[in-house]
Amino acid sequence: MAPVAPGEQAPPDAPRQGLHGDTQADLPPAVPQRAADEEFPPARSQSAVPAPSADSPVVAPEDVRPDGLSAPQPTVVPVPPVESPASAPRDPGPEGSGPYPPPPVAPAPPAAPQPLRPERPFDPRPYPQPPAVAPPLVDNSRSYPHTPAAARPLPLAPPPNLPALAPPPPPPTSAPLTLDYVGSGPPTYDAEPTALPLADPDELDDLVADTVLDGARYGVSTIRAASVRGDSARFRGEQRRDSLLTARFGIGEQALVLVAMATGARATPGAHRAAAEACHWIARAVGRSHARLSEDIRAARRGDLKSGLHRLTDRSLGKLRASAAEQGIDPEEYSAALRCLLLPAHPECRTRVFFGVGPGGLFRLRDGEWQDIEPTVGDLSGEAVVGFGSQPAETPEGDRLTMDLGIPTPPSPYEPAPEPPREPFRFRASVARPGDTLLMCTGGLAEPLRGEPELSAHLAGRWSGSTPPGLAAFLADTQVRVKGYADDRTAAAVWEA
């Protein structure tokens, strides 16, 4: 349909045009009215035409026409829906053109920083005077390490109404720190092992560990035992010549504890085997007679114990010489110094029995002082000992018996006649007191303990306490080195509760 020129009248049936060329046919259909009896009020539709705003174009109706006809109904021009406040505002722009994009918004100037404290009006009054007593000073040396020592405030004395704190107790003098060595200087060798012994793939059971550590507690006695390879053997990669064996025979209060240690001959290839065999032979002999030995110890039969243990020691060393003959080794080279300690497990028995053959040491720590109680060679006090001139008893069948132990002794097939031991037999039975410490050791520890006063003083301070040391502490104490003493060290100590 052709547009109507300005000044001309459109036909009655022609649809009126809007401002932007829209016709009445293009308008949205009228929204039907709901009945008045519906249950819910009509919902507000998003497509409903909103009320015209102040800036919306509205066409006013024509009230009077030249031909006198009634004025037609006004034509409603569609108005675009009002955008929500959340959407960006649009600029209508000049007439007859579309909307422009929103102009760029300049960033707001940064706000001035606010002061930390609100400004207070000036107060012409004078400031308050400080109190007469200054507040206590605070030591900030811990919080500020950079504060020089001269600028730190002095500590304040406690108020007079508070009790003064007691000074801390001094450190115990009975247990000083563990030392590495004593004497004028460190020993020549290193403190730790440097070489392992040479091993034979077919004789791996012949290897000996560098260190052996053991301990127990029976009745009123606490036992600590250790055997350590010497500095010279550690440096040269030699076997430890000392052997240590701890065993318990029997149960309950009838039990008997044996601590045996032996040292093989110096500079012999099988010295470690000889020491181990000596400990095994004497342990086997004591274990077979432990019931009678335990009874004699509790009954304090000193003579019976000395003669019986002497005989057991002689027979054990005789078997060691027989083993050397079987191996084709000189018996004098395949020998060992043997030292043993018997401890009954009965809590009311404090008799401690020592016996052995060869050099070593037996010491007692009482009231903080060491006592050397090693039996002297040739001490024949007490009853006679088999092998030193006395006649042993015999059974009705003619078997010769070890005195008071009931052990038959057949003639030795390796010797033409029973002979006295090659080394003097040593024996001592003593009664321990509460607080005593009994120490049995081989020559590797006995010699520096007798020759270095600083070592004896150090061990006396370490072992004089009422609490026995632990296994690790005891091992560290026995390893305190002294220059000039580099042999193996084996020691067993007993603390009396």
Protein backbone atom coordinates (compact mmCIF):
# COMPACT_ATOMS: atom_id res chain seq x y z
CA MET A 1 0.00 0.00 0.00
CA ALA A 2 1.35 3.39 -0.98
CA PRO A 3 2.10 5.77 1.82
CA VAL A 4 -0.19 8.77 2.30
CA ALA A 5 1.26 12.08 1.29
CA PRO A 6 1.32 14.89 3.76
CA GLY A 7 -1.88 16.88 3.82
CA GLU A 8 -4.02 14.02 2.38
CA GLN A 9 -6.62 12.00 4.30
CA ALA A 10 -6.22 8.30 4.54
CA PRO A 11 -9.20 6.08 3.67
CA PRO A 12 -11.36 4.86 6.55
CA ASP A 13 -10.30 1.19 6.24
CA ALA A 14 -6.64 1.90 5.85
CA PRO A 15 -4.53 1.15 8.92
CA ARG A 16 -2.89 4.10 10.48
CA GLN A 17 0.84 4.36 10.53
CA GLY A 18 2.98 5.08 13.49
CA LEU A 19 5.83 7.42 13.81
CA HIS A 20 8.38 4.83 12.65
CA GLY A 21 6.27 3.42 9.80
CA ASP A 22 4.61 0.63 11.79
CA THR A 23 1.08 -0.30 10.81
CA GLN A 24 -1.77 -1.45 12.97
CA ALA A 25 -1.43 -4.94 11.55
CA ASP A 26 2.04 -5.18 12.97
CA LEU A 27 0.91 -4.43 16.51
CA PRO A 28 0.72 -7.27 19.02
CA PRO A 29 -2.75 -8.74 19.56
CA ALA A 30 -4.82 -7.48 22.45
CA VAL A 31 -4.52 -9.38 25.68
CA PRO A 32 -7.84 -11.15 26.44
CA GLN A 33 -9.51 -10.22 29.72
CA ARG A 34 -9.91 -12.89 32.37
CA ALA A 35 -13.24 -13.66 33.79
CA ALA A 36 -14.09 -12.12 37.12
CA ASP A 37 -14.80 -15.49 38.70
CA GLU A 38 -11.31 -16.97 38.13
CA GLU A 39 -9.61 -18.41 41.19
CA PHE A 40 -6.34 -16.54 40.94
CA PRO A 41 -5.81 -12.93 39.83
CA PRO A 42 -4.21 -12.51 36.44
CA ALA A 43 -0.45 -12.79 36.49
CA ARG A 44 1.64 -9.93 35.34
CA SER A 45 2.99 -10.72 31.89
CA GLN A 46 6.35 -9.65 30.69
CA SER A 47 4.85 -8.87 27.25
CA ALA A 48 2.31 -6.40 28.64
CA VAL A 49 2.75 -2.90 27.41
CA PRO A 50 3.94 -0.74 30.25
CA ALA A 51 2.62 2.70 30.95
CA PRO A 52 4.12 5.37 28.77
CA SER A 53 6.87 7.22 30.38
CA ALA A 54 7.71 10.88 30.15
CA ASP A 55 10.12 10.33 27.25
CA SER A 56 8.00 7.80 25.32
CA PRO A 57 6.40 9.13 22.04
CA VAL A 58 2.56 9.09 22.25
CA VAL A 59 0.17 10.18 19.40
CA ALA A 60 -2.73 12.34 20.59
CA PRO A 61 -6.22 11.45 19.16
CA GLU A 62 -7.98 13.71 16.63
CA ASP A 63 -11.07 15.22 18.29
CA VAL A 64 -12.59 17.13 15.31
CA ARG A 65 -12.54 16.22 11.65
CA PRO A 66 -13.39 18.60 8.75
CA ASP A 67 -16.20 16.34 7.46
CA GLY A 68 -17.94 16.39 10.84
CA LEU A 69 -17.60 12.67 11.43
CA SER A 70 -16.78 11.34 14.83
CA ALA A 71 -13.17 11.13 15.63
CA PRO A 72 -11.74 7.65 15.14
CA GLN A 73 -10.13 5.65 17.95
CA PRO A 74 -6.60 6.69 18.74
CA THR A 75 -3.85 4.60 17.33
CA VAL A 76 -1.62 3.02 19.98
CA VAL A 77 2.02 3.17 19.17
CA PRO A 78 4.10 0.29 20.68
CA VAL A 79 6.57 1.44 23.25
CA PRO A 80 9.66 -0.63 23.90
CA PRO A 81 9.69 -2.27 27.34
CA VAL A 82 11.47 -0.45 30.09
CA GLU A 83 14.78 -2.09 30.82
CA SER A 84 15.49 -3.36 34.32
CA PRO A 85 17.68 -1.25 36.58
CA ALA A 86 20.36 -3.92 36.42
CA SER A 87 20.87 -3.43 32.68
CA ALA A 88 23.04 -0.62 31.38
CA PRO A 89 21.10 2.61 30.48
CA ARG A 90 20.69 3.40 26.81
CA ASP A 91 20.98 6.82 25.14
CA PRO A 92 18.07 7.47 22.73
CA GLY A 93 20.34 9.64 20.53
CA PRO A 94 19.00 12.02 17.86
CA GLU A 95 15.48 11.63 16.44
CA GLY A 96 15.03 9.01 13.76
CA SER A 97 18.20 7.07 14.66
CA GLY A 98 18.77 3.89 16.66
CA PRO A 99 20.20 3.76 20.21
CA TYR A 100 23.92 4.41 20.71
CA PRO A 101 26.20 2.25 22.84
CA PRO A 102 26.72 3.56 26.36
CA PRO A 103 29.50 6.09 26.59
CA PRO A 104 32.62 5.02 28.44
CA VAL A 105 32.52 5.73 32.13
CA ALA A 106 35.55 7.47 33.55
CA PRO A 107 37.03 5.74 36.62
CA ALA A 108 36.30 7.40 39.90
CA PRO A 109 39.23 9.22 41.48
CA PRO A 110 40.91 7.25 44.29
CA ALA A 111 39.67 8.08 47.72
CA ALA A 112 42.01 9.93 49.99
CA PRO A 113 43.63 7.64 52.64
CA GLN A 114 41.95 7.87 55.97
CA PRO A 115 44.14 8.49 59.02
CA LEU A 116 44.69 5.60 61.43
CA ARG A 117 43.28 7.64 64.26
CA PRO A 118 40.56 10.25 63.99
CA GLU A 119 41.85 13.72 64.44
CA ARG A 120 40.92 15.14 67.78
CA PRO A 121 40.32 18.81 68.28
CA PHE A 122 43.04 20.76 69.91
CA ASP A 123 42.84 20.64 73.67
CA PRO A 124 44.39 23.73 75.26
CA ARG A 125 44.56 21.99 78.61
CA PRO A 126 48.01 20.71 79.69
CA TYR A 127 48.79 17.03 79.31
CA PRO A 128 48.40 14.80 82.39
CA GLN A 129 51.54 14.29 84.39
CA PRO A 130 53.15 10.78 84.43
CA PRO A 131 52.69 8.72 87.60
CA ALA A 132 55.24 9.03 90.36
CA VAL A 133 56.21 5.29 90.16
CA ALA A 134 57.50 4.14 86.81
CA PRO A 135 56.00 0.90 85.41
CA PRO A 136 58.15 -2.24 85.73
CA LEU A 137 60.70 -2.74 83.03
CA VAL A 138 60.27 -5.65 80.66
CA ASP A 139 63.20 -7.67 79.42
CA ASN A 140 62.80 -7.79 75.65
CA SER A 141 66.11 -9.48 75.01
CA ARG A 142 64.40 -12.72 74.03
CA SER A 143 61.99 -11.07 71.61
CA TYR A 144 64.65 -8.80 70.11
CA PRO A 145 67.98 -10.59 69.89
CA HIS A 146 69.55 -7.56 68.22
CA THR A 147 69.30 -5.51 71.43
CA PRO A 148 72.83 -4.92 72.70
CA ALA A 149 73.66 -6.41 76.07
CA ALA A 150 74.53 -3.02 77.53
CA ALA A 151 71.07 -1.60 76.67
CA ARG A 152 69.08 -4.44 78.19
CA PRO A 153 67.28 -3.59 81.43
CA LEU A 154 68.48 -5.25 84.55
CA PRO A 155 66.24 -7.92 86.11
CA LEU A 156 64.10 -6.64 88.94
CA ALA A 157 64.26 -8.12 92.41
CA PRO A 158 61.16 -10.01 93.59
CA PRO A 159 58.80 -8.17 95.92
CA PRO A 160 59.65 -8.58 99.61
CA ASN A 161 56.38 -10.38 100.39
CA LEU A 162 57.15 -13.31 98.03
CA PRO A 163 59.38 -16.18 99.22
CA ALA A 164 62.71 -16.44 97.45
CA LEU A 165 63.15 -19.46 95.16
CA ALA A 166 65.64 -22.09 96.25
CA PRO A 167 68.73 -22.35 94.04
CA PRO A 168 68.76 -25.32 91.63
CA PRO A 169 70.53 -28.40 92.99
CA PRO A 170 74.05 -28.93 91.73
CA PRO A 171 74.54 -31.64 89.10
CA PRO A 172 75.30 -35.06 90.59
CA THR A 173 78.98 -35.70 90.93
CA SER A 174 78.50 -39.48 90.97
CA ALA A 175 77.68 -39.65 87.26
CA PRO A 176 79.87 -37.34 85.15
CA LEU A 177 79.64 -37.24 81.41
CA THR A 178 80.89 -40.22 79.47
CA LEU A 179 84.51 -39.80 78.44
CA ASP A 180 86.27 -41.03 75.35
CA TYR A 181 89.66 -41.39 77.01
CA VAL A 182 91.54 -40.50 80.17
CA GLY A 183 95.17 -39.75 80.73
CA SER A 184 97.69 -37.37 79.19
CA GLY A 185 96.39 -37.76 75.63
CA PRO A 186 94.30 -39.86 73.26
CA PRO A 187 95.51 -43.33 72.31
CA THR A 188 97.25 -43.88 68.99
CA TYR A 189 94.55 -46.08 67.48
CA ASP A 190 91.11 -44.96 66.40
CA ALA A 191 88.21 -45.36 68.79
CA GLU A 192 86.06 -47.30 66.31
CA PRO A 193 86.81 -50.50 64.35
CA THR A 194 88.69 -49.96 61.11
CA ALA A 195 89.13 -53.50 59.71
CA LEU A 196 87.20 -56.78 59.81
CA PRO A 197 88.87 -60.13 60.47
CA LEU A 198 89.65 -62.37 57.54
CA ALA A 199 86.81 -64.85 56.95
CA ASP A 200 86.96 -68.43 55.63
CA PRO A 201 83.88 -69.40 53.59
CA ASP A 202 84.06 -72.95 55.00
CA GLU A 203 84.51 -71.81 58.64
CA LEU A 204 81.99 -69.02 59.06
CA ASP A 205 81.10 -70.26 62.54
CA ASP A 206 84.62 -69.31 63.55
CA LEU A 207 83.88 -65.58 63.26
CA VAL A 208 83.71 -63.57 66.49
CA ALA A 209 81.66 -60.39 66.86
CA ASP A 210 83.44 -57.16 67.74
CA THR A 211 81.28 -56.54 70.84
CA VAL A 212 79.13 -58.70 73.11
CA LEU A 213 76.71 -57.15 75.63
CA ASP A 214 74.45 -58.89 78.16
CA GLY A 215 72.68 -58.28 81.45
CA ALA A 216 70.07 -59.61 83.88
CA ARG A 217 68.57 -59.13 87.34
CA TYR A 218 67.98 -61.90 89.87
CA GLY A 219 67.10 -61.50 93.51
CA VAL A 220 68.89 -58.42 94.84
CA SER A 221 71.60 -58.45 92.15
CA THR A 222 71.77 -56.63 88.83
CA ILE A 223 74.30 -57.98 86.33
CA ARG A 224 75.97 -56.15 83.47
CA ALA A 225 78.52 -57.88 81.20
CA ALA A 226 80.38 -56.74 78.09
CA SER A 227 83.27 -57.90 75.93
CA VAL A 228 84.90 -55.49 73.45
CA ARG A 229 87.66 -56.00 70.91
CA GLY A 230 90.78 -54.00 71.69
CA ASP A 231 92.05 -51.04 69.70
CA SER A 232 95.03 -52.92 68.30
CA ALA A 233 92.88 -55.85 67.12
CA ARG A 234 90.40 -53.44 65.56
CA PHE A 235 93.18 -51.72 63.67
CA ARG A 236 94.86 -54.92 62.43
CA GLY A 237 91.64 -56.79 61.63
CA GLU A 238 92.25 -59.56 64.16
CA GLN A 239 89.69 -61.65 66.01
CA ARG A 240 88.70 -60.77 69.56
CA ARG A 241 90.67 -63.11 71.82
CA ASP A 242 88.33 -62.62 74.79
CA SER A 243 85.23 -64.77 75.16
CA LEU A 244 82.19 -64.06 77.36
CA LEU A 245 79.44 -66.48 78.43
CA THR A 246 76.47 -65.80 80.73
CA ALA A 247 74.11 -68.67 81.66
CA ARG A 248 71.38 -69.50 84.17
CA PHE A 249 70.92 -73.03 85.46
CA GLY A 250 67.75 -74.00 87.30
CA ILE A 251 64.55 -72.09 87.97
CA GLY A 252 63.10 -70.03 90.79
CA GLU A 253 65.08 -69.43 93.93
CA GLN A 254 67.18 -72.54 93.29
CA ALA A 255 68.66 -71.05 90.10
CA LEU A 256 72.37 -70.37 89.75
CA VAL A 257 73.83 -67.71 87.44
CA LEU A 258 77.28 -68.24 85.89
CA VAL A 259 79.38 -65.53 84.25
CA ALA A 260 82.49 -66.97 82.57
CA MET A 261 85.17 -65.11 80.63
CA ALA A 262 88.40 -66.33 79.08
CA THR A 263 91.35 -64.84 77.20
CA GLY A 264 93.30 -66.80 74.60
CA ALA A 265 97.07 -66.83 74.36
CA ARG A 266 98.60 -63.85 72.65
CA ALA A 267 99.92 -64.12 69.06
CA THR A 268 98.38 -67.54 68.38
CA PRO A 269 96.04 -68.17 65.42
CA GLY A 270 93.41 -70.10 67.40
CA ALA A 271 93.35 -67.98 70.55
CA HIS A 272 89.67 -67.03 70.15
CA ARG A 273 88.66 -70.68 69.72
CA ALA A 274 90.57 -71.73 72.84
CA ALA A 275 88.86 -69.01 74.90
CA ALA A 276 85.43 -70.01 73.63
CA GLU A 277 86.04 -73.70 74.38
CA ALA A 278 87.26 -72.94 77.89
CA CYS A 279 84.01 -71.05 78.63
CA HIS A 280 81.89 -73.85 77.18
CA TRP A 281 83.66 -76.61 79.12
CA ILE A 282 83.39 -74.88 82.49
CA ALA A 283 79.75 -73.92 81.83
CA ARG A 284 78.90 -77.53 81.02
CA ALA A 285 80.56 -78.75 84.22
CA VAL A 286 78.87 -76.13 86.41
CA GLY A 287 75.49 -76.72 84.79
CA ARG A 288 75.59 -80.43 85.56
CA SER A 289 76.36 -79.74 89.25
CA HIS A 290 74.38 -76.51 89.73
CA ALA A 291 71.95 -77.98 92.31
CA ARG A 292 74.72 -79.06 94.67
CA LEU A 293 76.71 -75.87 94.05
CA SER A 294 73.71 -73.68 94.81
CA GLU A 295 73.09 -75.59 98.04
CA ASP A 296 76.72 -75.23 99.14
CA ILE A 297 76.67 -71.49 98.42
CA ARG A 298 73.54 -70.90 100.49
CA ALA A 299 74.98 -73.03 103.31
CA ALA A 300 78.33 -71.13 103.15
CA ARG A 301 80.41 -74.31 102.72
CA ARG A 302 83.55 -72.53 101.68
CA GLY A 303 85.88 -75.51 101.80
CA ASP A 304 83.60 -77.74 99.77
CA LEU A 305 83.11 -75.03 97.17
CA LYS A 306 86.82 -74.35 96.79
CA SER A 307 87.84 -77.94 96.37
CA GLY A 308 84.94 -78.83 94.08
CA LEU A 309 85.33 -75.82 91.80
CA HIS A 310 89.08 -76.36 91.65
CA ARG A 311 88.53 -79.86 90.38
CA LEU A 312 85.96 -78.72 87.81
CA THR A 313 88.36 -76.08 86.52
CA ASP A 314 91.20 -78.57 86.24
CA ARG A 315 89.07 -81.00 84.28
CA SER A 316 87.82 -78.27 81.92
CA LEU A 317 91.34 -77.08 81.12
CA GLY A 318 92.42 -80.70 80.71
CA LYS A 319 89.79 -81.16 78.00
CA LEU A 320 91.06 -77.99 76.36
CA ARG A 321 94.56 -79.47 76.20
CA ALA A 322 93.12 -82.69 74.82
CA SER A 323 91.39 -80.68 72.08
CA ALA A 324 94.74 -79.08 71.20
CA ALA A 325 96.30 -82.54 70.90
CA GLU A 326 93.55 -83.62 68.52
CA GLN A 327 94.14 -80.57 66.32
CA GLY A 328 97.92 -81.07 66.34
CA ILE A 329 98.52 -77.80 68.21
CA ASP A 330 100.91 -77.24 71.08
CA PRO A 331 98.80 -77.37 74.30
CA GLU A 332 100.72 -74.44 75.72
CA GLU A 333 99.58 -72.29 72.80
CA TYR A 334 96.02 -73.57 72.81
CA SER A 335 95.25 -72.38 76.34
CA ALA A 336 93.27 -69.63 77.98
CA ALA A 337 93.01 -67.66 81.22
CA LEU A 338 89.62 -68.49 82.78
CA ARG A 339 87.64 -66.46 85.33
CA CYS A 340 84.14 -67.26 86.61
CA LEU A 341 81.55 -65.81 88.96
CA LEU A 342 78.66 -67.71 90.59
CA LEU A 343 75.57 -65.80 91.77
CA PRO A 344 72.65 -67.58 93.48
CA ALA A 345 69.20 -66.32 92.55
CA HIS A 346 67.86 -66.68 96.10
CA PRO A 347 66.99 -63.14 97.34
CA GLU A 348 68.27 -63.81 100.90
CA CYS A 349 71.66 -65.16 99.80
CA ARG A 350 74.37 -62.54 99.24
CA THR A 351 77.34 -64.89 98.90
CA ARG A 352 79.31 -64.29 95.70
CA VAL A 353 81.81 -66.93 94.59
CA PHE A 354 84.74 -66.21 92.30
CA PHE A 355 87.15 -68.80 90.91
CA GLY A 356 89.48 -69.09 87.96
CA VAL A 357 92.95 -69.53 86.54
CA GLY A 358 95.22 -66.90 84.99
CA PRO A 359 95.66 -63.13 85.21
CA GLY A 360 92.82 -60.67 85.47
CA GLY A 361 91.15 -58.57 88.09
CA LEU A 362 88.55 -58.78 90.87
CA PHE A 363 87.52 -55.48 92.44
CA ARG A 364 84.87 -54.29 94.85
CA LEU A 365 83.48 -50.76 94.93
CA ARG A 366 82.33 -49.93 98.45
CA ASP A 367 81.56 -46.44 99.81
CA GLY A 368 82.92 -44.85 96.64
CA GLU A 369 86.37 -46.50 96.86
CA TRP A 370 87.81 -49.41 94.92
CA GLN A 371 89.16 -52.46 96.75
CA ASP A 372 91.41 -54.91 94.94
CA ILE A 373 90.27 -58.30 96.25
CA GLU A 374 92.06 -60.46 93.68
CA PRO A 375 93.23 -63.61 95.52
CA THR A 376 96.98 -63.79 95.87
CA VAL A 377 98.84 -66.60 94.17
CA GLY A 378 99.65 -69.44 96.56
CA ASP A 379 96.84 -68.59 98.99
CA LEU A 380 96.07 -72.03 100.45
CA SER A 381 93.84 -70.85 103.24
CA GLY A 382 90.91 -73.05 104.00
CA GLU A 383 90.69 -76.76 103.44
CA ALA A 384 93.05 -78.65 101.20
CA VAL A 385 92.41 -78.65 97.47
CA VAL A 386 92.54 -81.68 95.24
CA GLY A 387 95.83 -81.66 93.35
CA PHE A 388 97.77 -79.82 96.06
CA GLY A 389 98.57 -82.81 98.29
CA SER A 390 95.22 -83.93 99.64
CA GLN A 391 93.76 -87.35 98.95
CA PRO A 392 90.35 -87.25 97.26
CA ALA A 393 87.53 -89.36 98.56
CA GLU A 394 86.59 -92.66 96.93
CA THR A 395 83.35 -94.54 96.42
CA PRO A 396 82.94 -98.16 97.56
CA GLU A 397 83.56 -99.15 93.95
CA GLY A 398 86.90 -97.35 93.95
CA ASP A 399 85.94 -94.29 91.84
CA ARG A 400 87.67 -91.12 92.89
CA LEU A 401 85.21 -88.29 93.68
CA THR A 402 85.54 -84.57 93.59
CA MET A 403 85.28 -83.46 97.17
CA ASP A 404 81.64 -83.10 98.31
CA LEU A 405 80.29 -82.87 94.76
CA GLY A 406 79.82 -86.56 93.97
CA ILE A 407 81.39 -86.34 90.49
CA PRO A 408 83.35 -89.44 89.50
CA THR A 409 86.74 -88.69 87.97
CA PRO A 410 88.04 -91.39 85.63
CA PRO A 411 91.76 -91.52 84.83
CA SER A 412 92.73 -89.03 82.14
CA PRO A 413 93.54 -90.71 78.79
CA TYR A 414 95.70 -87.75 77.79
CA GLU A 415 98.00 -87.62 80.78
CA PRO A 416 99.76 -90.43 82.58
CA ALA A 417 98.54 -89.18 85.96
CA PRO A 418 96.51 -86.28 87.37
CA GLU A 419 98.67 -83.19 87.52
CA PRO A 420 98.15 -79.86 89.20
CA PRO A 421 96.91 -77.10 86.89
CA ARG A 422 99.48 -75.20 84.88
CA GLU A 423 98.29 -71.94 86.46
CA PRO A 424 97.53 -71.38 90.15
CA PHE A 425 93.87 -71.73 91.02
CA ARG A 426 92.21 -68.62 92.45
CA PHE A 427 89.14 -68.70 94.67
CA ARG A 428 87.24 -66.22 96.82
CA ALA A 429 83.82 -66.36 98.46
CA SER A 430 82.63 -63.05 99.89
CA VAL A 431 79.41 -61.68 101.35
CA ALA A 432 78.12 -58.58 99.60
CA ARG A 433 76.61 -55.58 101.35
CA PRO A 434 73.78 -53.41 100.04
CA GLY A 435 75.26 -50.75 97.78
CA ASP A 436 78.37 -52.78 96.83
CA THR A 437 79.52 -53.21 93.24
CA LEU A 438 81.58 -56.29 92.39
CA LEU A 439 83.69 -56.14 89.22
CA MET A 440 85.36 -59.12 87.54
CA CYS A 441 87.39 -58.42 84.40
CA THR A 442 90.17 -59.71 82.20
CA GLY A 443 93.63 -58.21 82.02
CA GLY A 444 92.61 -55.76 79.29
CA LEU A 445 90.64 -53.73 81.85
CA ALA A 446 92.36 -54.78 85.08
CA GLU A 447 95.74 -53.38 84.03
CA PRO A 448 94.57 -49.81 83.18
CA LEU A 449 92.29 -49.83 86.23
CA ARG A 450 95.33 -50.48 88.43
CA GLY A 451 97.73 -48.27 86.47
CA GLU A 452 95.63 -45.18 85.70
CA PRO A 453 94.11 -43.46 88.75
CA GLU A 454 91.96 -41.24 86.56
CA LEU A 455 90.19 -44.25 85.08
CA SER A 456 89.46 -45.79 88.46
CA ALA A 457 88.13 -42.44 89.72
CA HIS A 458 85.93 -42.06 86.67
CA LEU A 459 84.41 -45.54 86.98
CA ALA A 460 83.94 -45.07 90.72
CA GLY A 461 81.92 -41.93 90.06
CA ARG A 462 79.86 -43.61 87.37
CA TRP A 463 79.07 -46.80 89.30
CA SER A 464 78.64 -45.50 92.87
CA GLY A 465 74.98 -44.55 92.41
CA SER A 466 72.11 -46.58 93.77
CA THR A 467 70.75 -47.21 90.26
CA PRO A 468 72.78 -49.55 88.04
CA PRO A 469 73.59 -48.22 84.56
CA GLY A 470 71.82 -49.50 81.50
CA LEU A 471 73.44 -51.79 78.99
CA ALA A 472 74.50 -48.98 76.65
CA ALA A 473 75.87 -46.87 79.52
CA PHE A 474 77.82 -49.82 80.91
CA LEU A 475 79.32 -50.52 77.51
CA ALA A 476 80.37 -46.89 77.15
CA ASP A 477 82.00 -46.98 80.59
CA THR A 478 84.03 -50.09 79.82
CA GLN A 479 85.27 -48.53 76.56
CA VAL A 480 86.92 -45.48 78.14
CA ARG A 481 90.37 -45.70 76.63
CA VAL A 482 93.78 -45.16 78.16
CA LYS A 483 96.93 -44.54 76.17
CA GLY A 484 99.20 -47.58 76.19
CA TYR A 485 96.42 -50.16 76.88
CA ALA A 486 94.97 -51.60 73.66
CA ASP A 487 94.01 -55.21 74.57
CA ASP A 488 90.53 -56.69 74.54
CA ARG A 489 88.32 -55.74 77.47
CA THR A 490 85.83 -58.06 79.10
CA ALA A 491 84.06 -57.10 82.33
CA ALA A 492 81.12 -58.23 84.44
CA ALA A 493 79.76 -56.07 87.26
CA VAL A 494 77.15 -56.90 89.92
CA TRP A 495 75.18 -54.19 91.73
CA GLU A 496 73.67 -55.07 95.12
CA ALA A 497 70.29 -53.51 95.92
